[in-house]
Amino acid sequence: MPMRLDDGSAKPPAASVILIGDGTAQVSEPVAARDLYVSPLFAGRRAQAEASGVPWFVVSGRWGLLEPDDVLAPYSFSFARQSVNYRRAWGRFVAEQLSLVSSVGRDDVVEISAGGAYTAALVAPIQYLGARVLGH
């Protein structure tokens, strides 16, 4: 059978679920997670997730997996300053939350649009569920 060379034109698989990282810039009163974070980076990620038409969630270093309509108050928390053990446990926690709310498993693709620390903590636990991961 002839071998085909990858010319780079293949499109990545479509995401089944999108996870977007939270942000430190926040409004000053309790609102839905989709509206709490106000940085341009979060706004761009949110717009892309909403335009995709697939389910999306916010990942918070403090609270874990958030539905866009979950209401929460502003908070101060640095995920990057947490211990390696915290980040590993957090990644497993978020993957478990995700499996409960969206039944992510084999043949699903989870797109992670978040900082490197979040992505690093999430990749292995999501792959353990059987899903493929697209990271940014």
C-alpha atoms as a PDB file:
ATOM      1  CA  MET A   1       0.000   0.000   0.000  1.00  0.00           C
ATOM      2  CA  PRO A   2       1.446   3.416  -0.903  1.00  0.00           C
ATOM      3  CA  MET A   3       2.416   5.665   1.961  1.00  0.00           C
ATOM      4  CA  ARG A   4       0.990   9.191   2.139  1.00  0.00           C
ATOM      5  CA  LEU A   5       3.112  12.009   3.368  1.00  0.00           C
ATOM      6  CA  ASP A   6       1.525  14.480   5.745  1.00  0.00           C
ATOM      7  CA  ASP A   7       1.567  17.783   3.899  1.00  0.00           C
ATOM      8  CA  GLY A   8       0.251  19.681   6.920  1.00  0.00           C
ATOM      9  CA  SER A   9      -3.110  20.323   5.289  1.00  0.00           C
ATOM     10  CA  ALA A  10      -5.069  17.960   7.527  1.00  0.00           C
ATOM     11  CA  LYS A  11      -7.405  19.814   9.841  1.00  0.00           C
ATOM     12  CA  PRO A  12      -7.194  19.060  13.540  1.00  0.00           C
ATOM     13  CA  PRO A  13     -10.172  17.118  14.882  1.00  0.00           C
ATOM     14  CA  ALA A  14     -13.137  19.186  16.008  1.00  0.00           C
ATOM     15  CA  ALA A  15     -13.417  19.687  19.743  1.00  0.00           C
ATOM     16  CA  SER A  16     -16.195  17.987  21.686  1.00  0.00           C
ATOM     17  CA  VAL A  17     -15.643  20.304  24.660  1.00  0.00           C
ATOM     18  CA  ILE A  18     -13.602  23.480  25.172  1.00  0.00           C
ATOM     19  CA  LEU A  19     -11.981  24.486  28.445  1.00  0.00           C
ATOM     20  CA  ILE A  20     -10.853  28.095  28.830  1.00  0.00           C
ATOM     21  CA  GLY A  21      -8.645  29.381  31.597  1.00  0.00           C
ATOM     22  CA  ASP A  22      -9.866  31.986  34.044  1.00  0.00           C
ATOM     23  CA  GLY A  23      -8.130  35.317  34.517  1.00  0.00           C
ATOM     24  CA  THR A  24      -6.907  37.622  37.232  1.00  0.00           C
ATOM     25  CA  ALA A  25      -8.702  40.699  35.843  1.00  0.00           C
ATOM     26  CA  GLN A  26     -12.219  40.474  37.248  1.00  0.00           C
ATOM     27  CA  VAL A  27     -15.283  42.610  37.777  1.00  0.00           C
ATOM     28  CA  SER A  28     -15.947  43.699  41.353  1.00  0.00           C
ATOM     29  CA  GLU A  29     -19.251  41.962  42.102  1.00  0.00           C
ATOM     30  CA  PRO A  30     -20.624  38.408  41.870  1.00  0.00           C
ATOM     31  CA  VAL A  31     -21.620  37.490  38.299  1.00  0.00           C
ATOM     32  CA  ALA A  32     -21.725  34.479  35.985  1.00  0.00           C
ATOM     33  CA  ALA A  33     -18.311  32.954  35.305  1.00  0.00           C
ATOM     34  CA  ARG A  34     -18.592  33.978  31.640  1.00  0.00           C
ATOM     35  CA  ASP A  35     -18.721  37.626  32.761  1.00  0.00           C
ATOM     36  CA  LEU A  36     -16.402  37.586  35.787  1.00  0.00           C
ATOM     37  CA  TYR A  37     -13.108  37.573  33.902  1.00  0.00           C
ATOM     38  CA  VAL A  38     -12.508  40.693  31.826  1.00  0.00           C
ATOM     39  CA  SER A  39      -9.045  40.449  30.284  1.00  0.00           C
ATOM     40  CA  PRO A  40      -8.801  40.740  26.490  1.00  0.00           C
ATOM     41  CA  LEU A  41      -7.280  37.233  26.388  1.00  0.00           C
ATOM     42  CA  PHE A  42     -10.237  35.716  28.259  1.00  0.00           C
ATOM     43  CA  ALA A  43     -12.693  37.689  26.096  1.00  0.00           C
ATOM     44  CA  GLY A  44     -11.075  36.319  22.938  1.00  0.00           C
ATOM     45  CA  ARG A  45     -11.075  32.755  24.215  1.00  0.00           C
ATOM     46  CA  ARG A  46     -14.692  33.095  25.316  1.00  0.00           C
ATOM     47  CA  ALA A  47     -15.728  34.456  21.914  1.00  0.00           C
ATOM     48  CA  GLN A  48     -14.033  31.557  20.130  1.00  0.00           C
ATOM     49  CA  ALA A  49     -15.622  29.015  22.459  1.00  0.00           C
ATOM     50  CA  GLU A  50     -19.084  30.517  22.020  1.00  0.00           C
ATOM     51  CA  ALA A  51     -18.680  30.671  18.241  1.00  0.00           C
ATOM     52  CA  SER A  52     -17.672  27.007  18.106  1.00  0.00           C
ATOM     53  CA  GLY A  53     -21.133  25.814  19.079  1.00  0.00           C
ATOM     54  CA  VAL A  54     -19.732  23.089  21.354  1.00  0.00           C
ATOM     55  CA  PRO A  55     -20.071  22.969  25.135  1.00  0.00           C
ATOM     56  CA  TRP A  56     -17.476  25.021  26.940  1.00  0.00           C
ATOM     57  CA  PHE A  57     -16.405  25.558  30.514  1.00  0.00           C
ATOM     58  CA  VAL A  58     -14.159  27.871  32.493  1.00  0.00           C
ATOM     59  CA  VAL A  59     -11.374  26.265  34.484  1.00  0.00           C
ATOM     60  CA  SER A  60     -10.531  28.071  37.703  1.00  0.00           C
ATOM     61  CA  GLY A  61      -7.432  27.274  39.709  1.00  0.00           C
ATOM     62  CA  ARG A  62      -9.447  27.830  42.855  1.00  0.00           C
ATOM     63  CA  TRP A  63     -12.862  26.378  41.998  1.00  0.00           C
ATOM     64  CA  GLY A  64     -12.155  23.793  39.296  1.00  0.00           C
ATOM     65  CA  LEU A  65     -14.596  23.362  36.423  1.00  0.00           C
ATOM     66  CA  LEU A  66     -17.205  26.113  36.096  1.00  0.00           C
ATOM     67  CA  GLU A  67     -20.232  26.239  33.839  1.00  0.00           C
ATOM     68  CA  PRO A  68     -20.404  29.611  32.076  1.00  0.00           C
ATOM     69  CA  ASP A  69     -23.570  30.489  34.020  1.00  0.00           C
ATOM     70  CA  ASP A  70     -22.184  29.548  37.461  1.00  0.00           C
ATOM     71  CA  VAL A  71     -22.278  32.659  39.631  1.00  0.00           C
ATOM     72  CA  LEU A  72     -19.280  33.460  41.769  1.00  0.00           C
ATOM     73  CA  ALA A  73     -17.709  36.414  43.528  1.00  0.00           C
ATOM     74  CA  PRO A  74     -14.370  37.883  42.533  1.00  0.00           C
ATOM     75  CA  TYR A  75     -11.414  36.221  44.211  1.00  0.00           C
ATOM     76  CA  SER A  76      -7.652  36.341  44.365  1.00  0.00           C
ATOM     77  CA  PHE A  77      -5.767  33.114  43.713  1.00  0.00           C
ATOM     78  CA  SER A  78      -2.562  32.172  41.909  1.00  0.00           C
ATOM     79  CA  PHE A  79      -2.595  28.676  40.427  1.00  0.00           C
ATOM     80  CA  ALA A  80       1.033  28.986  39.339  1.00  0.00           C
ATOM     81  CA  ARG A  81       2.073  29.551  42.968  1.00  0.00           C
ATOM     82  CA  GLN A  82       0.465  26.324  44.161  1.00  0.00           C
ATOM     83  CA  SER A  83       2.503  23.206  44.825  1.00  0.00           C
ATOM     84  CA  VAL A  84       3.000  20.508  42.216  1.00  0.00           C
ATOM     85  CA  ASN A  85       0.838  18.203  44.342  1.00  0.00           C
ATOM     86  CA  TYR A  86      -1.984  20.765  44.401  1.00  0.00           C
ATOM     87  CA  ARG A  87      -1.839  21.170  40.607  1.00  0.00           C
ATOM     88  CA  ARG A  88      -1.840  17.411  40.017  1.00  0.00           C
ATOM     89  CA  ALA A  89      -4.810  16.904  42.348  1.00  0.00           C
ATOM     90  CA  TRP A  90      -6.584  19.861  40.742  1.00  0.00           C
ATOM     91  CA  GLY A  91      -6.101  18.355  37.264  1.00  0.00           C
ATOM     92  CA  ARG A  92      -7.636  15.062  38.384  1.00  0.00           C
ATOM     93  CA  PHE A  93     -10.477  16.921  40.111  1.00  0.00           C
ATOM     94  CA  VAL A  94     -11.299  18.932  36.980  1.00  0.00           C
ATOM     95  CA  ALA A  95     -11.165  15.809  34.784  1.00  0.00           C
ATOM     96  CA  GLU A  96     -13.594  14.052  37.143  1.00  0.00           C
ATOM     97  CA  GLN A  97     -15.905  17.075  37.119  1.00  0.00           C
ATOM     98  CA  LEU A  98     -15.750  17.102  33.328  1.00  0.00           C
ATOM     99  CA  SER A  99     -16.603  13.417  33.080  1.00  0.00           C
ATOM    100  CA  LEU A 100     -19.676  14.011  35.257  1.00  0.00           C
ATOM    101  CA  VAL A 101     -21.079  16.999  33.367  1.00  0.00           C
ATOM    102  CA  SER A 102     -20.213  16.070  29.794  1.00  0.00           C
ATOM    103  CA  SER A 103     -19.467  12.327  29.686  1.00  0.00           C
ATOM    104  CA  VAL A 104     -16.081  12.929  28.069  1.00  0.00           C
ATOM    105  CA  GLY A 105     -14.441   9.692  27.025  1.00  0.00           C
ATOM    106  CA  ARG A 106     -13.081   7.736  24.097  1.00  0.00           C
ATOM    107  CA  ASP A 107     -13.390   9.470  20.714  1.00  0.00           C
ATOM    108  CA  ASP A 108     -13.949  12.867  22.352  1.00  0.00           C
ATOM    109  CA  VAL A 109     -11.605  15.783  21.841  1.00  0.00           C
ATOM    110  CA  VAL A 110     -11.068  18.319  24.616  1.00  0.00           C
ATOM    111  CA  GLU A 111      -9.591  21.633  23.560  1.00  0.00           C
ATOM    112  CA  ILE A 112      -7.736  23.454  26.314  1.00  0.00           C
ATOM    113  CA  SER A 113      -7.333  27.178  25.835  1.00  0.00           C
ATOM    114  CA  ALA A 114      -5.502  28.164  28.992  1.00  0.00           C
ATOM    115  CA  GLY A 115      -2.074  28.945  30.372  1.00  0.00           C
ATOM    116  CA  GLY A 116       0.710  26.412  30.453  1.00  0.00           C
ATOM    117  CA  ALA A 117       0.290  25.483  34.125  1.00  0.00           C
ATOM    118  CA  TYR A 118      -3.403  24.667  33.614  1.00  0.00           C
ATOM    119  CA  THR A 119      -2.743  22.739  30.427  1.00  0.00           C
ATOM    120  CA  ALA A 120       0.085  20.740  32.015  1.00  0.00           C
ATOM    121  CA  ALA A 121      -2.161  19.787  34.942  1.00  0.00           C
ATOM    122  CA  LEU A 122      -5.078  18.770  32.717  1.00  0.00           C
ATOM    123  CA  VAL A 123      -3.585  16.797  29.837  1.00  0.00           C
ATOM    124  CA  ALA A 124      -2.827  13.468  31.555  1.00  0.00           C
ATOM    125  CA  PRO A 125      -6.076  13.265  33.582  1.00  0.00           C
ATOM    126  CA  ILE A 126      -8.179  14.030  30.501  1.00  0.00           C
ATOM    127  CA  GLN A 127      -6.260  11.490  28.431  1.00  0.00           C
ATOM    128  CA  TYR A 128      -6.854   8.972  31.215  1.00  0.00           C
ATOM    129  CA  LEU A 129     -10.584   9.418  30.528  1.00  0.00           C
ATOM    130  CA  GLY A 130      -9.855   8.285  26.969  1.00  0.00           C
ATOM    131  CA  ALA A 131     -10.225  11.692  25.317  1.00  0.00           C
ATOM    132  CA  ARG A 132      -7.739  13.376  23.028  1.00  0.00           C
ATOM    133  CA  VAL A 133      -6.431  16.791  24.022  1.00  0.00           C
ATOM    134  CA  LEU A 134      -5.835  19.841  21.873  1.00  0.00           C
ATOM    135  CA  GLY A 135      -3.846  22.417  23.822  1.00  0.00           C
ATOM    136  CA  HIS A 136      -2.912  26.028  23.325  1.00  0.00           C
END
